[in-house]
């Protein structure tokens, strides 16, 4: 039976595009809100809405080129949607908003985009130029091919409760969910298809979290041990903290800092669900905390705010919302975070820096800048690694571990 896009679904898609491109709302928030907005939508309807919006975001430049549009207005969004329907072989309804479309011209223009990388993979000029200059034509071509593909759905097993092998069997037995183990990612399960998971009892009981496979590399890289004092300086929603907890056997102190109060409240809920008891929430503006923790932490993790250009598979909107000027501001913030938190690391401890970017200006170059500062003079680079999507199939990340070689006085 051919797929049909009903008008109420189309209106939902258009409202989602308006919220994302005009109102600049986070796409994840927009999709979550949108899927709850119409009770008439079944599971197929919701999947179609999500697919349409993500496909249009991912290939925005290609749709615009195919339709001959140069602005981001509601009327243009209708044209992009019509083009998406044509290329998805969904019959075009007799709607006024689609009446000016020229199907054959759109299909030809879409096909012609394959002649130019930035059109074929729908990249802003500045990003394509930056990637080419940084990595060279061969590596950049491989990377853009990889990040153009939608992200896989990967779970991280909560080892405080179960093992990946047991979780795999439980998901199959209880929910008929098929998954595969990933040898290079000891806590991960790769699901064979995308599906909603938050309503599952196994999720609600804390058996697993949803976390990209390469993101699962960060917490082990910290090399935290049971009983240690660890600070997650940019905890956010707590994905890395929740992974550190089982690696520490739920023993020690894990201080979670973030400027977003709602994120910390969300983390508190997630800790309870995961059976995590060693986390303590702190404000990064609490001067007394920083005074008390001077040279006290065994490990400090800075999962720094960044351009997000390593996770375009998962969050393609970043390539349209990010600009070189914004990246420059982020670079300054990243360096400030390194300098602010370095004094918390005890002699013999480690400072770990991570981003979800693959570009050296946010990564190794930042480490070199930090090591040249007064705060970085007692640190030395132990190890760093860049995880590329074209090599792993998962998100792009960078990690660096710096050792404090100062001598205790």
Protein backbone atom coordinates (compact mmCIF):
# COMPACT_ATOMS: atom_id res chain seq x y z
CA UNK A 1 0.00 0.00 0.00
CA UNK A 2 1.58 3.34 -1.07
CA UNK A 3 2.38 5.90 1.61
CA UNK A 4 0.01 8.85 1.73
CA UNK A 5 0.67 12.13 3.51
CA UNK A 6 -2.54 13.48 4.98
CA UNK A 7 -2.97 17.21 5.29
CA UNK A 8 -2.91 17.27 9.10
CA UNK A 9 0.48 15.52 8.96
CA UNK A 10 1.73 18.03 6.42
CA UNK A 11 0.60 20.91 8.61
CA UNK A 12 2.48 19.33 11.53
CA UNK A 13 5.65 19.04 9.43
CA UNK A 14 5.40 22.68 8.33
CA UNK A 15 4.87 23.88 11.90
CA UNK A 16 7.92 21.86 12.96
CA UNK A 17 10.06 23.43 10.23
CA UNK A 18 8.84 26.90 11.24
CA UNK A 19 9.79 26.26 14.87
CA UNK A 20 13.24 24.94 13.93
CA UNK A 21 14.30 27.31 11.15
CA UNK A 22 12.44 30.53 11.99
CA UNK A 23 12.01 30.38 15.77
CA UNK A 24 15.37 28.54 16.18
CA UNK A 25 13.97 26.09 18.71
CA UNK A 26 15.99 22.90 19.38
CA UNK A 27 14.92 20.21 16.92
CA UNK A 28 14.76 17.52 19.61
CA UNK A 29 12.36 19.65 21.67
CA UNK A 30 10.28 20.52 18.60
CA UNK A 31 9.89 16.88 17.55
CA UNK A 32 8.99 15.76 21.07
CA UNK A 33 6.34 18.47 21.40
CA UNK A 34 5.00 17.92 17.90
CA UNK A 35 4.49 14.19 18.34
CA UNK A 36 2.25 14.85 21.33
CA UNK A 37 0.22 17.55 19.58
CA UNK A 38 -2.27 15.41 17.65
CA UNK A 39 -3.80 12.33 19.26
CA UNK A 40 -5.13 11.15 15.91
CA UNK A 41 -1.63 10.27 14.74
CA UNK A 42 -0.71 6.61 14.92
CA UNK A 43 2.81 5.22 15.13
CA UNK A 44 3.19 5.23 11.31
CA UNK A 45 2.06 8.84 11.18
CA UNK A 46 4.55 9.92 13.83
CA UNK A 47 7.41 8.09 12.13
CA UNK A 48 6.51 9.76 8.82
CA UNK A 49 6.47 13.22 10.41
CA UNK A 50 9.84 12.68 12.08
CA UNK A 51 11.39 11.26 8.92
CA UNK A 52 10.14 14.16 6.79
CA UNK A 53 11.45 16.81 9.16
CA UNK A 54 14.85 15.16 9.66
CA UNK A 55 15.26 14.46 5.94
CA UNK A 56 14.43 18.07 5.11
CA UNK A 57 16.85 19.37 7.77
CA UNK A 58 19.61 17.03 6.62
CA UNK A 59 19.26 17.99 2.94
CA UNK A 60 17.97 21.54 3.31
CA UNK A 61 20.38 22.98 0.77
CA UNK A 62 19.52 20.31 -1.78
CA UNK A 63 15.77 20.88 -1.41
CA UNK A 64 16.25 24.65 -1.69
CA UNK A 65 18.38 24.23 -4.81
CA UNK A 66 15.91 21.81 -6.37
CA UNK A 67 13.00 24.20 -5.77
CA UNK A 68 14.93 27.33 -6.68
CA UNK A 69 14.27 28.90 -3.26
CA UNK A 70 16.61 31.27 -1.44
CA UNK A 71 14.72 32.14 1.75
CA UNK A 72 13.31 30.36 4.79
CA UNK A 73 9.61 31.17 4.83
CA UNK A 74 6.48 29.09 5.28
CA UNK A 75 5.76 29.11 1.54
CA UNK A 76 9.29 27.85 0.87
CA UNK A 77 8.86 25.10 3.47
CA UNK A 78 5.82 23.86 1.57
CA UNK A 79 7.95 23.66 -1.58
CA UNK A 80 10.66 21.70 0.27
CA UNK A 81 8.00 19.34 1.59
CA UNK A 82 6.58 18.89 -1.90
CA UNK A 83 10.06 18.11 -3.24
CA UNK A 84 10.61 15.63 -0.43
CA UNK A 85 7.31 13.93 -1.28
CA UNK A 86 8.26 13.71 -4.96
CA UNK A 87 11.65 12.13 -4.21
CA UNK A 88 10.03 9.83 -1.63
CA UNK A 89 7.48 8.73 -4.24
CA UNK A 90 4.57 10.02 -2.19
CA UNK A 91 1.71 11.23 -4.42
CA UNK A 92 1.37 15.01 -4.49
CA UNK A 93 -2.08 16.10 -3.27
CA UNK A 94 -4.03 18.87 -4.98
CA UNK A 95 -3.14 21.51 -2.40
CA UNK A 96 -2.78 25.22 -3.16
CA UNK A 97 0.60 25.35 -1.40
CA UNK A 98 2.01 22.78 -3.86
CA UNK A 99 0.35 24.10 -7.03
CA UNK A 100 3.46 25.89 -8.36
CA UNK A 101 5.75 22.89 -8.14
CA UNK A 102 7.23 21.54 -11.36
CA UNK A 103 7.88 17.88 -10.60
CA UNK A 104 10.19 17.03 -13.49
CA UNK A 105 12.29 20.15 -13.05
CA UNK A 106 12.63 19.42 -9.31
CA UNK A 107 13.70 15.83 -9.91
CA UNK A 108 16.30 16.91 -12.48
CA UNK A 109 17.70 19.66 -10.25
CA UNK A 110 17.88 17.25 -7.32
CA UNK A 111 19.81 14.75 -9.45
CA UNK A 112 22.16 17.47 -10.69
CA UNK A 113 23.22 18.20 -7.11
CA UNK A 114 25.28 15.01 -7.14
CA UNK A 115 27.85 16.81 -9.30
CA UNK A 116 28.93 19.07 -6.43
CA UNK A 117 29.80 17.80 -2.94
CA UNK A 118 28.36 20.72 -0.95
CA UNK A 119 25.04 20.37 -2.77
CA UNK A 120 24.95 16.58 -2.82
CA UNK A 121 25.65 16.35 0.92
CA UNK A 122 23.91 19.63 1.68
CA UNK A 123 26.76 21.47 3.37
CA UNK A 124 27.15 25.19 4.04
CA UNK A 125 30.02 26.66 1.99
CA UNK A 126 32.07 27.50 5.09
CA UNK A 127 31.80 23.97 6.49
CA UNK A 128 32.79 22.28 3.23
CA UNK A 129 35.76 24.63 2.87
CA UNK A 130 36.79 24.07 6.50
CA UNK A 131 36.61 20.29 6.17
CA UNK A 132 38.55 20.29 2.92
CA UNK A 133 41.26 22.54 4.32
CA UNK A 134 41.54 20.58 7.58
CA UNK A 135 41.39 16.98 6.42
CA UNK A 136 42.06 16.98 2.67
CA UNK A 137 39.75 15.82 -0.10
CA UNK A 138 39.96 12.05 0.52
CA UNK A 139 39.27 12.02 4.26
CA UNK A 140 36.69 14.82 4.11
CA UNK A 141 34.78 13.01 1.36
CA UNK A 142 34.63 9.87 3.49
CA UNK A 143 33.52 11.84 6.54
CA UNK A 144 30.73 13.78 4.78
CA UNK A 145 29.42 10.52 3.33
CA UNK A 146 29.28 9.09 6.85
CA UNK A 147 27.70 12.08 8.61
CA UNK A 148 25.08 12.33 5.87
CA UNK A 149 23.62 9.02 7.01
CA UNK A 150 21.10 8.92 9.91
CA UNK A 151 22.48 7.85 13.27
CA UNK A 152 22.08 4.31 14.57
CA UNK A 153 20.13 3.64 17.76
CA UNK A 154 22.51 2.40 20.45
CA UNK A 155 21.85 1.53 24.07
CA UNK A 156 24.29 1.61 26.96
CA UNK A 157 23.79 -1.14 29.51
CA UNK A 158 23.61 -0.05 33.14
CA UNK A 159 26.07 -2.48 34.72
CA UNK A 160 24.83 -1.60 38.18
CA UNK A 161 21.77 -3.68 37.26
CA UNK A 162 22.62 -6.08 34.43
CA UNK A 163 25.04 -7.07 31.64
CA UNK A 164 24.76 -6.46 27.88
CA UNK A 165 24.19 -10.17 27.25
CA UNK A 166 21.35 -10.36 29.78
CA UNK A 167 19.83 -7.10 28.54
CA UNK A 168 19.92 -8.36 24.97
CA UNK A 169 17.94 -11.48 25.96
CA UNK A 170 15.45 -9.51 28.05
CA UNK A 171 14.74 -7.05 25.24
CA UNK A 172 14.11 -9.94 22.87
CA UNK A 173 11.96 -11.93 25.30
CA UNK A 174 9.91 -9.09 26.78
CA UNK A 175 9.66 -6.66 23.86
CA UNK A 176 10.71 -8.55 20.71
CA UNK A 177 13.50 -6.02 20.20
CA UNK A 178 16.46 -7.35 18.24
CA UNK A 179 19.95 -6.06 18.92
CA UNK A 180 23.59 -6.95 18.40
CA UNK A 181 26.57 -6.72 20.73
CA UNK A 182 29.46 -4.46 19.70
CA UNK A 183 32.83 -6.01 20.63
CA UNK A 184 34.69 -2.68 20.74
CA UNK A 185 32.01 -1.12 22.95
CA UNK A 186 31.65 -3.36 26.02
CA UNK A 187 28.43 -1.80 27.35
CA UNK A 188 26.65 -1.22 24.04
CA UNK A 189 23.77 -2.82 22.18
CA UNK A 190 23.05 -1.75 18.60
CA UNK A 191 19.34 -1.98 17.80
CA UNK A 192 18.39 -3.33 14.39
CA UNK A 193 15.72 -0.66 13.91
CA UNK A 194 14.67 2.65 15.42
CA UNK A 195 11.81 2.56 17.88
CA UNK A 196 10.45 4.33 20.94
CA UNK A 197 12.02 2.98 24.13
CA UNK A 198 11.17 5.28 27.05
CA UNK A 199 7.86 3.55 27.72
CA UNK A 200 9.52 0.13 28.19
CA UNK A 201 9.62 -1.23 31.73
CA UNK A 202 13.30 -2.14 31.27
CA UNK A 203 14.09 1.50 30.57
CA UNK A 204 11.94 2.79 33.41
CA UNK A 205 13.68 0.36 35.78
CA UNK A 206 17.10 1.69 34.77
CA UNK A 207 18.42 -1.26 32.78
CA UNK A 208 19.76 0.97 30.00
CA UNK A 209 20.24 4.46 28.64
CA UNK A 210 20.21 5.63 25.04
CA UNK A 211 23.75 6.72 24.16
CA UNK A 212 25.80 6.73 20.96
CA UNK A 213 28.53 4.11 20.84
CA UNK A 214 31.42 6.57 20.51
CA UNK A 215 29.96 8.69 23.29
CA UNK A 216 30.32 5.55 25.42
CA UNK A 217 34.10 5.76 24.90
CA UNK A 218 34.41 8.94 26.97
CA UNK A 219 33.69 7.63 30.50
CA UNK A 220 36.19 4.72 30.31
CA UNK A 221 38.77 7.18 28.94
CA UNK A 222 38.47 9.10 32.23
CA UNK A 223 39.98 6.05 33.99
CA UNK A 224 38.04 6.73 37.18
CA UNK A 225 38.28 4.11 39.93
CA UNK A 226 35.96 3.15 42.82
CA UNK A 227 36.39 5.43 45.81
CA UNK A 228 37.84 8.34 43.85
CA UNK A 229 36.66 11.95 43.77
CA UNK A 230 35.49 12.81 40.26
CA UNK A 231 34.02 16.05 38.90
CA UNK A 232 31.86 16.13 35.78
CA UNK A 233 32.23 19.84 35.08
CA UNK A 234 29.72 20.12 32.23
CA UNK A 235 27.32 17.35 33.20
CA UNK A 236 24.30 18.46 31.15
CA UNK A 237 21.65 15.77 31.28
CA UNK A 238 24.19 13.42 32.86
CA UNK A 239 24.92 10.83 30.19
CA UNK A 240 28.63 10.65 31.03
CA UNK A 241 27.98 10.80 34.80
CA UNK A 242 25.56 7.88 34.59
CA UNK A 243 28.25 5.90 32.77
CA UNK A 244 30.99 6.87 35.24
CA UNK A 245 28.90 5.64 38.20
CA UNK A 246 28.99 1.90 37.32
CA UNK A 247 32.65 2.20 36.30
CA UNK A 248 33.25 3.45 39.86
CA UNK A 249 31.04 0.67 41.30
CA UNK A 250 28.85 3.42 42.77
CA UNK A 251 31.62 4.18 45.28
CA UNK A 252 33.34 7.52 45.84
CA UNK A 253 32.15 11.03 45.02
CA UNK A 254 30.92 12.18 41.63
CA UNK A 255 30.18 15.90 41.57
CA UNK A 256 27.96 16.97 38.65
CA UNK A 257 28.08 20.63 37.62
CA UNK A 258 26.05 22.46 35.00
CA UNK A 259 24.67 25.95 34.43
CA UNK A 260 21.25 24.54 33.48
CA UNK A 261 19.15 23.90 36.59
CA UNK A 262 16.56 21.90 34.63
CA UNK A 263 19.29 19.62 33.30
CA UNK A 264 20.51 18.94 36.83
CA UNK A 265 16.97 18.21 37.98
CA UNK A 266 16.61 15.81 35.08
CA UNK A 267 19.91 14.18 36.07
CA UNK A 268 18.64 13.72 39.61
CA UNK A 269 15.65 11.81 38.24
CA UNK A 270 17.88 9.70 36.01
CA UNK A 271 20.20 8.86 38.91
CA UNK A 272 17.26 7.57 40.91
CA UNK A 273 16.05 5.44 38.01
CA UNK A 274 19.56 4.06 37.39
CA UNK A 275 20.27 3.27 41.04
CA UNK A 276 23.16 5.76 41.08
CA UNK A 277 23.88 7.03 44.60
CA UNK A 278 27.32 8.70 44.42
CA UNK A 279 26.32 11.81 42.42
CA UNK A 280 26.13 15.20 44.11
CA UNK A 281 24.77 18.16 42.14
CA UNK A 282 26.65 21.44 42.34
CA UNK A 283 26.42 24.84 40.70
CA UNK A 284 29.44 25.97 38.66
CA UNK A 285 28.89 29.41 40.23
CA UNK A 286 29.38 28.11 43.78
CA UNK A 287 32.66 29.77 44.78
CA UNK A 288 32.78 27.88 48.08
CA UNK A 289 32.72 24.58 46.21
CA UNK A 290 35.67 25.62 44.05
CA UNK A 291 37.59 26.84 47.10
CA UNK A 292 36.92 23.60 48.97
CA UNK A 293 37.83 21.38 46.02
CA UNK A 294 41.21 22.97 45.19
CA UNK A 295 43.61 20.08 44.36
CA UNK A 296 41.10 17.54 45.71
CA UNK A 297 39.80 15.75 42.60
CA UNK A 298 41.31 12.57 41.20
CA UNK A 299 39.60 13.20 37.88
CA UNK A 300 37.92 16.23 36.31
CA UNK A 301 35.96 15.70 33.11
CA UNK A 302 35.17 18.68 30.89
CA UNK A 303 32.70 17.53 28.25
CA UNK A 304 32.87 21.00 26.75
CA UNK A 305 30.24 22.98 24.85
CA UNK A 306 31.26 22.80 21.20
CA UNK A 307 30.10 23.21 17.61
CA UNK A 308 28.56 19.72 17.53
CA UNK A 309 30.04 19.18 14.07
CA UNK A 310 30.96 15.61 14.98
CA UNK A 311 27.35 14.58 15.62
CA UNK A 312 25.66 15.79 12.43
CA UNK A 313 24.38 12.25 11.87
CA UNK A 314 22.27 12.69 14.98
CA UNK A 315 21.73 16.45 14.96
CA UNK A 316 21.91 17.73 11.36
CA UNK A 317 20.42 21.11 12.31
CA UNK A 318 23.82 22.06 13.81
CA UNK A 319 25.32 22.63 10.37
CA UNK A 320 22.69 25.29 9.68
CA UNK A 321 22.69 26.94 13.11
CA UNK A 322 26.47 26.99 13.61
CA UNK A 323 28.68 29.70 12.11
CA UNK A 324 32.43 30.37 12.24
CA UNK A 325 31.82 33.35 14.56
CA UNK A 326 29.94 31.13 17.02
CA UNK A 327 32.76 28.59 16.94
CA UNK A 328 35.28 31.31 17.83
CA UNK A 329 33.19 32.21 20.88
CA UNK A 330 32.97 28.53 21.84
CA UNK A 331 36.74 28.18 21.56
CA UNK A 332 37.17 30.98 24.09
CA UNK A 333 34.66 29.32 26.43
CA UNK A 334 36.42 25.96 26.10
CA UNK A 335 39.75 27.46 27.10
CA UNK A 336 38.13 29.28 30.04
CA UNK A 337 36.61 26.01 31.25
CA UNK A 338 39.97 24.25 31.12
CA UNK A 339 41.65 27.04 33.07
CA UNK A 340 38.82 27.29 35.59
CA UNK A 341 38.71 23.59 36.47
CA UNK A 342 42.41 22.66 36.24
CA UNK A 343 43.11 23.88 39.80
CA UNK A 344 40.67 21.27 41.11
CA UNK A 345 42.88 18.37 39.96
CA UNK A 346 45.16 16.94 42.65
CA UNK A 347 48.81 16.15 42.03
CA UNK A 348 48.88 12.86 40.12
CA UNK A 349 45.28 13.31 39.02
CA UNK A 350 43.94 13.82 35.51
CA UNK A 351 42.02 16.45 33.59
CA UNK A 352 39.95 15.00 30.75
CA UNK A 353 38.70 17.19 27.91
CA UNK A 354 36.10 15.98 25.41
CA UNK A 355 34.01 17.45 22.60
CA UNK A 356 31.60 16.14 20.00
CA UNK A 357 33.59 17.91 17.30
CA UNK A 358 36.21 16.45 14.97
CA UNK A 359 37.94 19.74 14.17
CA UNK A 360 41.38 20.44 15.69
CA UNK A 361 40.64 24.10 16.48
CA UNK A 362 38.24 22.89 19.20
CA UNK A 363 40.35 19.90 20.14
CA UNK A 364 44.12 19.39 20.00
CA UNK A 365 44.72 23.10 19.36
CA UNK A 366 42.78 23.88 22.54
CA UNK A 367 44.92 21.46 24.52
CA UNK A 368 48.07 23.14 23.21
CA UNK A 369 46.67 26.57 24.14
CA UNK A 370 45.80 25.37 27.64
CA UNK A 371 49.22 23.81 28.25
CA UNK A 372 50.75 27.21 27.48
CA UNK A 373 48.69 28.96 30.20
CA UNK A 374 49.70 29.40 33.86
CA UNK A 375 46.94 26.95 34.86
CA UNK A 376 48.27 24.36 32.43
CA UNK A 377 51.94 24.52 33.32
CA UNK A 378 51.83 21.47 35.63
CA UNK A 379 49.93 19.31 33.12
CA UNK A 380 51.21 17.05 30.37
CA UNK A 381 49.27 15.33 27.59
CA UNK A 382 48.93 11.63 28.34
CA UNK A 383 46.75 10.59 25.38
CA UNK A 384 44.32 12.05 22.90
CA UNK A 385 42.15 10.54 20.20
CA UNK A 386 39.73 11.68 17.51
CA UNK A 387 36.87 9.32 16.67
CA UNK A 388 35.62 9.81 13.11
CA UNK A 389 32.24 8.73 11.79
CA UNK A 390 33.70 7.28 8.60
CA UNK A 391 35.95 4.97 10.62
CA UNK A 392 33.38 3.78 13.17
CA UNK A 393 29.92 4.44 11.74
CA UNK A 394 29.01 6.36 14.90
CA UNK A 395 29.28 9.97 16.08
CA UNK A 396 32.49 11.97 15.91
CA UNK A 397 34.24 12.76 19.21
CA UNK A 398 37.53 13.99 20.59
CA UNK A 399 39.08 13.07 23.96
CA UNK A 400 42.28 14.17 25.67
CA UNK A 401 43.63 13.09 29.05
CA UNK A 402 46.07 15.44 30.78
CA UNK A 403 48.07 14.37 33.83
CA UNK A 404 48.89 16.77 36.64
CA UNK A 405 52.57 16.13 37.25
CA UNK A 406 52.84 18.65 40.08
CA UNK A 407 54.53 17.43 43.25
CA UNK A 408 52.58 17.52 46.50
CA UNK A 409 53.87 20.16 48.90
